[in-house]
Amino acid sequence: GLRTNWSISATTGGTPGAGDTGYSMGYDVWENTAFPSLAGTENQRSLDPDSDGLINFVEYAINANPLHGTQSGIPRAALVSSGGQSYYGLTFRRWKNAVDISYAPEISADASGWEALTVLSGAPVDNGDGTETVTYRSAVPYSAGARSFVRLRVTEL
């Protein structure tokens, strides 16, 4: 078969003829399988054919639709409660066992010097499609007088 039909499998011997959501499928397979209508330059990782501000690679990273400008799955910032305290938090969708992408939730007081958000708040929620939704929070509690910025940085490996 075509090379795009092959991928890593969580099962010994693979899963011929069936999908395997144990690992991310990779950008090219995602794009060719889910959005074959992306043609020509529209399928390039750095383009944004639906003009929603998210390039195709970021849409892949959060398993969003690169052809639909209104997204419900974009990363969202919110205060997160833990142990009676409030913390800055970032909730986002990611591929489980991603082999081609890294996710780095980050926080900054001035939007120029960024630090990793490393505290996972709650258990990941399995979305049933090879992705999970996770929330990371700050290590320092929220302070009403301080401003903070959060972002999700995704990198292709």
Protein backbone atom coordinates (compact mmCIF):
# COMPACT_ATOMS: atom_id res chain seq x y z
CA GLY A 1 0.00 0.00 0.00
CA LEU A 2 0.88 3.63 0.00
CA ARG A 3 3.34 4.87 2.56
CA THR A 4 0.65 7.12 4.07
CA ASN A 5 -1.28 3.98 5.06
CA TRP A 6 1.45 2.94 7.49
CA SER A 7 1.94 4.33 10.98
CA ILE A 8 3.01 3.43 14.49
CA SER A 9 0.63 1.09 16.26
CA ALA A 10 0.06 0.37 19.93
CA THR A 11 -0.76 -3.23 18.97
CA THR A 12 1.84 -5.84 18.04
CA GLY A 13 1.35 -6.55 14.33
CA GLY A 14 -0.54 -3.31 13.83
CA THR A 15 -4.22 -2.88 13.09
CA PRO A 16 -4.64 -3.66 9.39
CA GLY A 17 -7.89 -2.30 8.01
CA ALA A 18 -8.75 -0.44 11.21
CA GLY A 19 -7.78 2.82 12.81
CA ASP A 20 -5.37 2.89 15.75
CA THR A 21 -5.79 5.88 18.02
CA GLY A 22 -2.93 4.86 20.33
CA TYR A 23 -0.62 7.37 18.65
CA SER A 24 -1.02 10.55 16.67
CA MET A 25 -1.38 9.93 12.97
CA GLY A 26 1.07 12.58 11.77
CA TYR A 27 0.28 15.80 9.94
CA ASP A 28 0.34 14.38 6.41
CA VAL A 29 -2.02 11.50 7.17
CA TRP A 30 -4.34 13.81 9.15
CA GLU A 31 -4.49 16.30 6.31
CA ASN A 32 -4.87 13.70 3.53
CA THR A 33 -7.46 11.65 5.41
CA ALA A 34 -9.62 14.27 7.06
CA PHE A 35 -9.25 17.17 4.65
CA PRO A 36 -8.42 15.90 1.14
CA SER A 37 -10.00 19.04 -0.29
CA LEU A 38 -7.01 21.08 0.92
CA ALA A 39 -5.26 21.44 -2.40
CA GLY A 40 -2.22 23.21 -3.71
CA THR A 41 -0.79 25.70 -1.27
CA GLU A 42 -3.78 25.42 1.12
CA ASN A 43 -2.31 22.24 2.62
CA GLN A 44 0.96 23.81 3.71
CA ARG A 45 1.57 23.71 7.45
CA SER A 46 2.06 27.47 7.76
CA LEU A 47 -1.11 28.57 5.93
CA ASP A 48 -4.54 29.44 7.29
CA PRO A 49 -7.13 28.68 4.57
CA ASP A 50 -10.13 29.46 6.82
CA SER A 51 -8.62 32.76 8.09
CA ASP A 52 -9.31 31.98 11.74
CA GLY A 53 -5.81 32.93 12.93
CA LEU A 54 -4.68 29.31 13.36
CA ILE A 55 -2.24 27.89 10.83
CA ASN A 56 -2.81 24.35 9.57
CA PHE A 57 -0.11 22.89 11.83
CA VAL A 58 -1.76 24.32 14.94
CA GLU A 59 -5.15 23.06 13.71
CA TYR A 60 -3.57 19.60 13.43
CA ALA A 61 -2.00 19.90 16.89
CA ILE A 62 -5.40 20.51 18.53
CA ASN A 63 -7.34 18.33 16.03
CA ALA A 64 -9.39 21.26 14.75
CA ASN A 65 -10.95 21.74 11.32
CA PRO A 66 -8.68 23.85 9.03
CA LEU A 67 -11.65 24.59 6.75
CA HIS A 68 -14.04 25.94 9.39
CA GLY A 69 -13.22 29.35 10.86
CA THR A 70 -15.32 29.02 14.01
CA GLN A 71 -13.51 26.75 16.43
CA SER A 72 -14.83 25.30 19.66
CA GLY A 73 -11.61 23.43 20.47
CA ILE A 74 -9.10 26.26 20.67
CA PRO A 75 -6.97 26.47 23.84
CA ARG A 76 -8.67 28.51 26.54
CA ALA A 77 -7.36 30.31 29.58
CA ALA A 78 -9.31 30.30 32.83
CA LEU A 79 -8.82 30.32 36.55
CA VAL A 80 -8.49 26.80 37.97
CA SER A 81 -9.33 25.88 41.56
CA SER A 82 -7.17 23.48 43.53
CA GLY A 83 -6.96 23.01 47.29
CA GLY A 84 -9.09 26.08 47.94
CA GLN A 85 -6.79 28.31 45.83
CA SER A 86 -7.23 29.77 42.34
CA TYR A 87 -4.52 29.42 39.71
CA TYR A 88 -4.02 30.58 36.13
CA GLY A 89 -4.84 27.66 33.86
CA LEU A 90 -4.72 26.65 30.20
CA THR A 91 -6.98 23.92 28.81
CA PHE A 92 -6.26 22.40 25.40
CA ARG A 93 -6.74 19.35 23.22
CA ARG A 94 -3.68 17.29 22.25
CA TRP A 95 -2.88 14.04 20.51
CA LYS A 96 -2.27 11.19 22.95
CA ASN A 97 1.20 9.67 22.53
CA ALA A 98 2.15 12.24 19.89
CA VAL A 99 5.30 11.20 18.03
CA ASP A 100 5.66 14.21 15.74
CA ILE A 101 4.69 17.19 17.89
CA SER A 102 5.47 18.65 21.30
CA TYR A 103 3.15 20.78 23.40
CA ALA A 104 4.42 23.48 25.77
CA PRO A 105 1.81 25.35 27.83
CA GLU A 106 3.46 28.52 29.10
CA ILE A 107 2.83 31.52 31.37
CA SER A 108 4.33 35.01 31.47
CA ALA A 109 3.89 38.16 33.52
CA ASP A 110 4.85 40.42 30.60
CA ALA A 111 4.25 38.37 27.41
CA SER A 112 7.98 38.30 26.65
CA GLY A 113 9.65 36.01 29.22
CA TRP A 114 7.85 32.64 29.23
CA GLU A 115 7.94 29.79 31.77
CA ALA A 116 6.49 26.30 31.46
CA LEU A 117 3.16 25.45 33.07
CA THR A 118 4.06 22.06 34.53
CA VAL A 119 1.26 21.29 36.99
CA LEU A 120 -1.40 19.06 35.43
CA SER A 121 -4.77 19.97 36.94
CA GLY A 122 -6.99 16.90 37.05
CA ALA A 123 -6.80 13.83 34.86
CA PRO A 124 -6.68 14.03 31.06
CA VAL A 125 -10.10 13.53 29.44
CA ASP A 126 -10.11 11.01 26.57
CA ASN A 127 -11.99 12.45 23.57
CA GLY A 128 -12.34 9.04 21.88
CA ASP A 129 -10.60 10.16 18.67
CA GLY A 130 -6.95 9.76 19.60
CA THR A 131 -6.87 13.07 21.47
CA GLU A 132 -7.29 14.09 25.07
CA THR A 133 -8.15 17.37 26.76
CA VAL A 134 -5.77 18.51 29.50
CA THR A 135 -5.52 21.49 31.82
CA TYR A 136 -2.20 22.80 33.09
CA ARG A 137 -2.05 25.42 35.83
CA SER A 138 0.45 27.81 37.35
CA ALA A 139 2.46 26.73 40.38
CA VAL A 140 1.82 30.10 42.06
CA PRO A 141 -1.75 31.01 43.05
CA TYR A 142 -3.66 33.73 41.23
CA SER A 143 -3.23 37.26 42.57
CA ALA A 144 -5.90 39.87 41.79
CA GLY A 145 -3.26 42.60 41.41
CA ALA A 146 -1.01 40.70 39.02
CA ARG A 147 -1.54 40.18 35.31
CA SER A 148 -0.44 36.98 33.58
CA PHE A 149 -0.54 35.70 30.02
CA VAL A 150 -0.78 32.05 28.96
CA ARG A 151 -0.11 30.43 25.61
CA LEU A 152 0.30 27.03 24.01
CA ARG A 153 3.47 26.61 21.99
CA VAL A 154 3.46 23.63 19.59
CA THR A 155 6.56 22.39 17.81
CA GLU A 156 6.94 19.83 15.05
CA LEU A 157 9.51 17.19 15.95
